[in-house]
Amino acid sequence: MKALIIGCGWVGNIFAKELHHLNYQVHGTTTSTEKAREMASGGIISYVLDFSREHPPPDHILSSINFDLILVS
């Protein structure tokens, strides 16, 4: 099963880790490159998501919504 967590801050990160532990393929977003690397090292497919002009949302996340679970945190 696939999960997308938009906003892996304190709460979102807890959910991401738990879902990964339950064998979900977890995708998560963060605004920090450092946090994205940390998430990736824990098995979470991570994306830096910033709604500014310099960093628009990646099309491949928003255009292919085929997740079993989406959490906005």
N, C-alpha and C. Protein backbone atom coordinates (compact mmCIF):
# COMPACT_ATOMS: atom_id res chain seq x y z
N MET A 1 0.84 -1.17 0.00
CA MET A 1 0.00 0.00 0.00
C MET A 1 0.89 1.24 0.00
N LYS A 2 0.37 2.31 -0.56
CA LYS A 2 1.13 3.55 -0.69
C LYS A 2 0.46 4.67 0.11
N ALA A 3 1.30 5.44 0.80
CA ALA A 3 0.80 6.58 1.58
C ALA A 3 1.59 7.83 1.21
N LEU A 4 0.89 8.95 1.19
CA LEU A 4 1.51 10.26 0.99
C LEU A 4 1.21 11.10 2.20
N ILE A 5 2.24 11.62 2.83
CA ILE A 5 2.08 12.51 3.97
C ILE A 5 2.63 13.87 3.56
N ILE A 6 1.73 14.84 3.47
CA ILE A 6 2.12 16.19 3.11
C ILE A 6 2.36 16.95 4.41
N GLY A 7 3.62 17.20 4.69
CA GLY A 7 3.98 17.89 5.93
C GLY A 7 4.51 16.92 6.98
N CYS A 8 5.74 16.51 6.83
CA CYS A 8 6.34 15.58 7.80
C CYS A 8 7.09 16.35 8.88
N GLY A 9 6.33 17.16 9.60
CA GLY A 9 6.88 17.82 10.79
C GLY A 9 6.82 16.83 11.94
N TRP A 10 6.59 17.33 13.12
CA TRP A 10 6.60 16.46 14.29
C TRP A 10 5.56 15.36 14.19
N VAL A 11 4.30 15.72 13.93
CA VAL A 11 3.22 14.73 13.86
C VAL A 11 3.31 13.89 12.59
N GLY A 12 3.50 14.54 11.45
CA GLY A 12 3.57 13.82 10.18
C GLY A 12 4.69 12.80 10.16
N ASN A 13 5.81 13.14 10.77
CA ASN A 13 6.96 12.24 10.80
C ASN A 13 6.66 10.99 11.62
N ILE A 14 5.92 11.14 12.72
CA ILE A 14 5.52 9.98 13.53
C ILE A 14 4.65 9.04 12.70
N PHE A 15 3.67 9.61 11.98
CA PHE A 15 2.82 8.79 11.12
C PHE A 15 3.63 8.11 10.03
N ALA A 16 4.55 8.84 9.42
CA ALA A 16 5.37 8.27 8.35
C ALA A 16 6.16 7.06 8.85
N LYS A 17 6.78 7.20 9.99
CA LYS A 17 7.58 6.09 10.55
C LYS A 17 6.69 4.90 10.88
N GLU A 18 5.53 5.15 11.45
CA GLU A 18 4.63 4.05 11.82
C GLU A 18 4.11 3.35 10.58
N LEU A 19 3.70 4.10 9.57
CA LEU A 19 3.22 3.48 8.33
C LEU A 19 4.32 2.69 7.64
N HIS A 20 5.54 3.22 7.66
CA HIS A 20 6.68 2.49 7.08
C HIS A 20 6.88 1.17 7.84
N HIS A 21 6.75 1.23 9.15
CA HIS A 21 6.86 0.03 9.99
C HIS A 21 5.77 -1.00 9.64
N LEU A 22 4.60 -0.50 9.20
CA LEU A 22 3.49 -1.38 8.81
C LEU A 22 3.57 -1.80 7.34
N ASN A 23 4.75 -1.60 6.75
CA ASN A 23 5.05 -2.01 5.37
C ASN A 23 4.33 -1.21 4.29
N TYR A 24 3.95 0.02 4.59
CA TYR A 24 3.47 0.93 3.56
C TYR A 24 4.67 1.47 2.80
N GLN A 25 4.49 1.77 1.53
CA GLN A 25 5.48 2.55 0.80
C GLN A 25 5.11 4.00 1.10
N VAL A 26 5.93 4.68 1.88
CA VAL A 26 5.59 6.01 2.38
C VAL A 26 6.34 7.09 1.59
N HIS A 27 5.56 8.06 1.12
CA HIS A 27 6.09 9.25 0.48
C HIS A 27 5.77 10.40 1.42
N GLY A 28 6.74 11.29 1.64
CA GLY A 28 6.49 12.40 2.54
C GLY A 28 7.13 13.68 2.05
N THR A 29 6.53 14.80 2.43
CA THR A 29 7.08 16.09 2.04
C THR A 29 7.58 16.85 3.26
N THR A 30 8.57 17.68 3.00
CA THR A 30 9.13 18.56 4.01
C THR A 30 9.62 19.81 3.29
N THR A 31 9.88 20.85 4.03
CA THR A 31 10.40 22.07 3.42
C THR A 31 11.92 22.17 3.53
N SER A 32 12.53 21.19 4.15
CA SER A 32 13.97 21.22 4.42
C SER A 32 14.70 20.10 3.68
N THR A 33 15.76 20.45 2.98
CA THR A 33 16.58 19.44 2.30
C THR A 33 17.21 18.49 3.32
N GLU A 34 17.65 19.04 4.44
CA GLU A 34 18.26 18.21 5.48
C GLU A 34 17.25 17.20 6.03
N LYS A 35 16.04 17.64 6.28
CA LYS A 35 14.99 16.74 6.79
C LYS A 35 14.63 15.69 5.74
N ALA A 36 14.64 16.06 4.46
CA ALA A 36 14.36 15.11 3.39
C ALA A 36 15.41 14.00 3.38
N ARG A 37 16.66 14.36 3.57
CA ARG A 37 17.73 13.35 3.62
C ARG A 37 17.54 12.42 4.83
N GLU A 38 17.16 13.01 5.96
CA GLU A 38 16.92 12.23 7.17
C GLU A 38 15.77 11.24 6.96
N MET A 39 14.70 11.71 6.33
CA MET A 39 13.55 10.84 6.05
C MET A 39 13.95 9.71 5.10
N ALA A 40 14.70 10.05 4.07
CA ALA A 40 15.12 9.05 3.09
C ALA A 40 16.00 7.98 3.74
N SER A 41 16.82 8.37 4.68
CA SER A 41 17.67 7.39 5.36
C SER A 41 16.85 6.42 6.20
N GLY A 42 15.61 6.82 6.55
CA GLY A 42 14.71 5.95 7.31
C GLY A 42 13.74 5.18 6.42
N GLY A 43 13.96 5.22 5.10
CA GLY A 43 13.13 4.44 4.19
C GLY A 43 11.91 5.16 3.64
N ILE A 44 11.79 6.46 3.90
CA ILE A 44 10.65 7.23 3.42
C ILE A 44 11.07 7.97 2.15
N ILE A 45 10.28 7.84 1.10
CA ILE A 45 10.55 8.54 -0.15
C ILE A 45 10.19 10.00 0.09
N SER A 46 11.18 10.86 0.05
CA SER A 46 10.96 12.23 0.51
C SER A 46 11.08 13.24 -0.62
N TYR A 47 10.33 14.32 -0.46
CA TYR A 47 10.32 15.42 -1.41
C TYR A 47 10.39 16.73 -0.65
N VAL A 48 11.19 17.66 -1.15
CA VAL A 48 11.19 19.00 -0.61
C VAL A 48 10.06 19.74 -1.31
N LEU A 49 9.12 20.22 -0.54
CA LEU A 49 7.94 20.88 -1.08
C LEU A 49 7.86 22.30 -0.53
N ASP A 50 7.92 23.25 -1.44
CA ASP A 50 7.88 24.66 -1.08
C ASP A 50 7.01 25.34 -2.12
N PHE A 51 6.00 26.05 -1.70
CA PHE A 51 5.07 26.66 -2.63
C PHE A 51 5.51 28.03 -3.14
N SER A 52 6.78 28.34 -2.94
CA SER A 52 7.29 29.60 -3.47
C SER A 52 7.61 29.43 -4.96
N ARG A 53 7.85 30.53 -5.63
CA ARG A 53 8.17 30.47 -7.06
C ARG A 53 9.47 29.73 -7.32
N GLU A 54 10.41 29.83 -6.38
CA GLU A 54 11.71 29.18 -6.58
C GLU A 54 11.61 27.66 -6.51
N HIS A 55 10.63 27.15 -5.79
CA HIS A 55 10.50 25.71 -5.60
C HIS A 55 9.04 25.29 -5.77
N PRO A 56 8.53 25.28 -6.99
CA PRO A 56 7.13 24.87 -7.18
C PRO A 56 6.93 23.40 -6.82
N PRO A 57 5.71 22.99 -6.50
CA PRO A 57 5.46 21.58 -6.17
C PRO A 57 5.82 20.67 -7.34
N PRO A 58 6.47 19.57 -7.08
CA PRO A 58 6.80 18.64 -8.16
C PRO A 58 5.53 18.08 -8.81
N ASP A 59 5.46 18.17 -10.12
CA ASP A 59 4.28 17.69 -10.85
C ASP A 59 4.02 16.21 -10.61
N HIS A 60 5.08 15.42 -10.48
CA HIS A 60 4.88 13.97 -10.35
C HIS A 60 4.20 13.59 -9.04
N ILE A 61 4.23 14.45 -8.03
CA ILE A 61 3.51 14.16 -6.79
C ILE A 61 2.04 14.52 -6.97
N LEU A 62 1.81 15.72 -7.43
CA LEU A 62 0.44 16.23 -7.45
C LEU A 62 -0.38 15.71 -8.62
N SER A 63 0.25 15.29 -9.72
CA SER A 63 -0.51 14.86 -10.88
C SER A 63 -0.81 13.36 -10.88
N SER A 64 -0.10 12.61 -10.10
CA SER A 64 -0.34 11.16 -10.08
C SER A 64 -0.81 10.72 -8.71
N ILE A 65 -2.00 11.13 -8.38
CA ILE A 65 -2.56 10.80 -7.07
C ILE A 65 -3.11 9.38 -7.10
N ASN A 66 -2.27 8.43 -6.85
CA ASN A 66 -2.70 7.04 -6.77
C ASN A 66 -2.20 6.42 -5.47
N PHE A 67 -2.51 7.10 -4.39
CA PHE A 67 -2.11 6.64 -3.07
C PHE A 67 -3.33 6.03 -2.37
N ASP A 68 -3.08 5.05 -1.52
CA ASP A 68 -4.14 4.45 -0.73
C ASP A 68 -4.52 5.35 0.45
N LEU A 69 -3.57 6.17 0.87
CA LEU A 69 -3.78 7.04 2.02
C LEU A 69 -3.06 8.36 1.78
N ILE A 70 -3.75 9.46 2.00
CA ILE A 70 -3.12 10.78 1.94
C ILE A 70 -3.42 11.49 3.25
N LEU A 71 -2.36 11.96 3.91
CA LEU A 71 -2.50 12.69 5.17
C LEU A 71 -1.90 14.07 4.98
N VAL A 72 -2.66 15.08 5.30
CA VAL A 72 -2.14 16.45 5.30
C VAL A 72 -1.92 16.83 6.75
N SER A 73 -0.67 17.08 7.09
CA SER A 73 -0.33 17.32 8.48
C SER A 73 0.30 18.69 8.63
